[in-house]
Protein backbone atom coordinates (compact mmCIF):
# COMPACT_ATOMS: atom_id res chain seq x y z
CA MET A 1 149.99 63.30 53.46
CA ASP A 2 149.91 59.97 51.57
CA LYS A 3 149.11 59.74 47.84
CA SER A 4 145.71 58.07 48.33
CA THR A 5 144.55 60.94 50.52
CA ILE A 6 145.76 63.53 48.01
CA ASP A 7 144.02 61.67 45.19
CA GLU A 8 140.77 61.59 47.16
CA ILE A 9 140.87 65.33 47.82
CA GLU A 10 141.66 66.11 44.19
CA ARG A 11 138.90 63.81 42.94
CA VAL A 12 136.26 65.44 45.10
CA VAL A 13 137.45 68.96 44.29
CA GLU A 14 137.41 68.27 40.55
CA THR A 15 133.84 66.94 40.61
CA ARG A 16 132.23 69.51 42.90
CA ASP A 17 129.97 72.29 41.67
CA LYS A 18 132.06 75.43 42.17
CA ARG A 19 128.97 77.54 42.61
CA SER A 20 128.12 75.65 45.77
CA SER A 21 131.51 76.48 47.32
CA ARG A 22 131.22 80.27 47.22
CA ILE A 23 131.19 81.76 50.70
CA SER A 24 129.54 84.99 51.77
CA PHE A 25 131.38 87.15 54.29
CA GLU A 26 130.42 90.83 54.37
CA TYR A 27 133.06 93.47 55.02
CA ASP A 28 130.50 96.00 56.28
CA SER A 29 129.79 93.77 59.27
CA ILE A 30 133.50 93.89 60.19
CA MET A 31 133.53 97.69 60.16
CA ASN A 32 130.27 97.85 62.08
CA ARG A 33 131.67 95.65 64.84
CA PHE A 34 134.82 97.78 65.02
CA HIS A 35 132.76 100.96 65.40
CA GLU A 36 130.61 99.29 68.08
CA ASN A 37 133.73 98.24 69.98
CA ILE A 38 135.20 101.75 69.79
CA GLU A 39 131.91 103.21 71.03
CA ASP A 40 132.14 100.87 74.03
CA VAL A 41 135.68 102.09 74.73
CA VAL A 42 134.65 105.76 74.46
CA ALA A 43 131.62 105.18 76.71
CA LYS A 44 133.95 104.35 79.59
CA PHE A 45 135.03 108.01 79.71
CA SER A 46 131.66 108.89 81.25
CA ILE A 47 132.25 106.31 83.98
CA ALA A 48 135.67 107.76 84.76
CA ASP A 49 134.28 111.32 84.71
CA SER A 50 131.70 110.37 87.33
CA ILE A 51 134.36 109.13 89.79
CA THR A 52 136.16 111.48 92.17
CA ASP A 53 138.96 109.13 93.20
CA GLU A 54 141.88 109.82 90.86
CA ASN A 55 143.38 106.33 91.12
CA GLN A 56 140.07 104.73 90.13
CA LYS A 57 139.84 107.07 87.14
CA LYS A 58 143.28 105.95 86.03
CA GLU A 59 142.33 102.28 86.28
CA ILE A 60 139.41 102.90 83.92
CA TRP A 61 141.67 104.75 81.47
CA ARG A 62 144.09 101.82 81.58
CA SER A 63 141.26 99.39 80.85
CA GLN A 64 140.29 101.51 77.85
CA ILE A 65 143.73 101.00 76.32
CA VAL A 66 143.40 97.23 76.69
CA PHE A 67 139.94 97.22 75.12
CA LEU A 68 141.12 99.58 72.38
CA GLU A 69 143.87 97.17 71.36
CA SER A 70 141.41 94.29 71.50
CA SER A 71 139.16 96.18 69.10
CA LEU A 72 142.02 96.60 66.63
CA ASP A 73 143.18 93.01 67.03
CA PHE A 74 139.70 91.63 66.34
CA TYR A 75 139.26 93.92 63.33
CA LEU A 76 142.56 92.77 61.81
CA HIS A 77 141.79 89.07 62.30
CA GLU A 78 138.43 89.57 60.61
CA VAL A 79 140.02 91.51 57.74
CA ILE A 80 142.45 88.68 57.01
CA LYS A 81 139.58 86.20 57.08
CA PHE A 82 137.59 88.44 54.72
CA GLY A 83 140.53 88.61 52.31
CA PHE A 84 141.04 84.86 52.35
CA ILE A 85 137.37 84.34 51.54
CA LYS A 86 137.65 86.81 48.67
CA ILE A 87 140.60 84.84 47.30
CA PHE A 88 138.81 81.53 47.85
CA ASN A 89 135.82 82.89 45.89
CA GLU A 90 138.25 83.95 43.12
CA GLU A 91 137.17 87.57 43.53
CA TRP A 92 140.71 88.60 44.50
CA ALA A 93 143.95 87.25 43.08
CA GLY A 94 145.71 84.56 45.08
CA THR A 95 148.78 85.31 47.19
CA ASN A 96 151.68 83.23 48.46
CA GLY A 97 150.40 83.79 51.99
CA PHE A 98 147.03 82.33 51.06
CA LYS A 99 148.63 79.33 49.34
CA LYS A 100 150.85 78.62 52.34
CA PHE A 101 148.17 79.10 54.99
CA SER A 102 148.08 75.94 57.12
CA VAL A 103 144.90 73.89 57.55
CA SER A 104 144.41 70.52 59.20
CA LEU A 105 144.26 67.32 57.15
CA GLY A 106 140.88 66.47 58.66
CA PHE A 107 139.46 69.80 57.54
CA ALA A 108 140.90 69.43 54.01
CA ILE A 109 139.22 66.07 53.48
CA GLU A 110 135.90 67.12 55.03
CA PHE A 111 135.71 70.40 53.14
CA ALA A 112 136.56 68.72 49.84
CA LYS A 113 133.57 66.43 50.37
CA HIS A 114 131.22 69.15 51.65
CA PRO A 115 132.28 72.54 50.20
CA GLU A 116 128.79 73.90 50.83
CA ASN A 117 129.57 73.97 54.58
CA ALA A 118 131.02 77.47 54.71
CA GLU A 119 131.19 77.54 58.49
CA THR A 120 133.96 74.92 58.55
CA LEU A 121 136.24 77.08 56.38
CA LEU A 122 135.59 80.19 58.45
CA ASN A 123 136.38 78.26 61.63
CA GLU A 124 139.57 76.84 60.13
CA ILE A 125 140.75 80.31 59.13
CA ASP A 126 140.04 81.51 62.67
CA LYS A 127 142.20 78.71 64.07
CA GLY A 128 145.09 79.67 61.81
CA ASN A 129 144.62 83.37 62.51
CA HIS A 130 144.98 82.83 66.24
CA LYS A 131 148.60 81.82 65.62
CA LEU A 132 149.37 85.17 64.01
CA CYS A 133 150.67 88.10 66.05
CA PHE A 134 149.07 91.31 64.79
CA MET A 135 149.58 94.20 67.15
CA HIS A 136 153.14 95.41 66.47
CA PHE A 137 153.01 97.68 63.43
CA ASP A 138 155.46 95.58 61.41
CA ASN A 139 153.30 92.51 62.04
CA ILE A 140 150.20 94.41 60.93
CA ILE A 141 151.88 95.29 57.63
CA ARG A 142 153.20 91.74 57.15
CA ASN A 143 149.84 90.12 57.83
CA LEU A 144 147.97 92.52 55.54
CA ARG A 145 150.29 91.38 52.78
CA LEU A 146 148.83 87.89 53.15
CA ILE A 147 145.82 89.30 51.29
CA ASP A 148 147.81 91.79 49.18
CA ILE A 149 146.72 94.88 51.11
CA LYS A 150 149.40 97.59 51.25
CA ILE A 151 149.09 100.77 53.28
CA SER A 152 151.12 103.87 54.07
CA PHE A 153 150.64 105.14 57.60
CA PRO A 154 152.83 107.88 59.16
CA ASP A 155 152.30 107.07 62.85
CA LYS A 156 153.99 103.69 63.16
CA ASP A 157 155.74 104.67 66.39
CA ILE A 158 152.48 105.63 68.11
CA ILE A 159 150.85 102.32 67.12
CA ASN A 160 153.81 100.50 68.67
CA GLU A 161 153.61 102.73 71.75
CA ILE A 162 149.98 101.74 72.24
CA TYR A 163 150.93 98.07 71.79
CA ARG A 164 153.69 98.31 74.40
CA ARG A 165 151.48 100.19 76.85
CA ARG A 166 148.68 97.64 76.45
CA ASN A 167 151.10 94.81 77.25
CA GLN A 168 152.50 96.70 80.22
CA ILE A 169 148.99 97.20 81.61
CA ALA A 170 147.75 93.68 80.88
CA HIS A 171 150.86 91.78 82.00
CA GLN A 172 152.60 94.07 84.50
CA THR A 173 149.72 96.12 86.00
CA ASP A 174 151.25 99.12 84.21
CA ARG A 175 154.52 98.88 86.15
CA ASN A 176 157.75 99.17 84.17
CA PRO A 177 159.83 97.45 85.33
CA PRO A 178 157.55 95.21 87.45
CA GLY A 179 157.72 96.09 91.12
CA THR A 180 158.03 99.84 90.57
CA GLU A 181 155.32 102.48 90.78
CA LYS A 182 152.60 102.39 88.15
CA GLN A 183 153.24 104.51 85.09
CA ASP A 184 151.12 107.64 85.11
CA ILE A 185 148.19 108.00 82.72
CA ALA A 186 145.79 110.78 81.77
CA LYS A 187 142.52 111.01 79.87
CA ASP A 188 144.15 112.79 76.94
CA HIS A 189 146.57 109.85 76.51
CA VAL A 190 143.62 107.54 75.87
CA GLU A 191 141.87 110.06 73.61
CA ARG A 192 145.04 110.35 71.52
CA TYR A 193 145.38 106.58 71.28
CA ILE A 194 141.77 106.17 70.16
CA LYS A 195 142.27 108.79 67.47
CA LYS A 196 145.35 107.02 66.08
CA ILE A 197 143.78 103.54 66.09
CA LYS A 198 140.74 104.90 64.27
CA ALA A 199 143.01 106.59 61.72
CA LEU A 200 144.87 103.31 61.12
CA VAL A 201 141.64 101.38 60.59
CA GLU A 202 140.35 104.08 58.23
CA THR A 203 143.55 103.73 56.20
CA ILE A 204 143.14 99.94 55.98
CA ASP A 205 139.44 100.40 55.19
CA GLU A 206 140.26 102.66 52.23
CA ALA A 207 142.80 100.14 50.89
CA ILE A 208 140.34 97.26 51.13
CA LYS A 209 137.55 99.18 49.40
CA LYS A 210 139.93 100.30 46.67
CA LYS A 211 141.03 96.70 46.09
CA ASP A 212 137.44 95.50 46.09
CA ARG A 213 136.54 98.03 43.36
CA SER A 214 139.45 97.09 41.11
């Protein structure tokens, strides 16, 4: 970035009304969407229960695992965005992850000129978030640290098991290795996975609310 561009950004930032650059992004809406998504996953049990063909039942249970992981993935992306907005609004302390988060030069110039356009910042965070891998447990912990959220969760191995199974279903039609028979699945597998994902989100939820109160 050349010096004239940097000077222009700094000039606009220094002269803007900070009150106009505060962005509203409600955490409750994130949790509500997660619960809605989980309800959609659970609702598929009734479809499977109404089918007599065992193979068709299993295909529905497999789809539930994929949708379950999607629900967690979306929740985590939204949580990181929420944390970044909190830091941007100076409601939470800054982090190295926030400071190093990459944005485009075009966005930086445009947002410096028009900080009241909150939608552009939210969209830019979404673009950056899409580059992050969330679903392995270690990645979840690392990405939560971008917004200084720390959790203790005892079932790391199960979260990784769900992640591996989701990938096996989505990319290998649940065959491991590819070309072999499909891995067996039962309703109680899915019920157990749902319980663990909900427990993980509840743990993150508690950490976020605790941080927001401090």
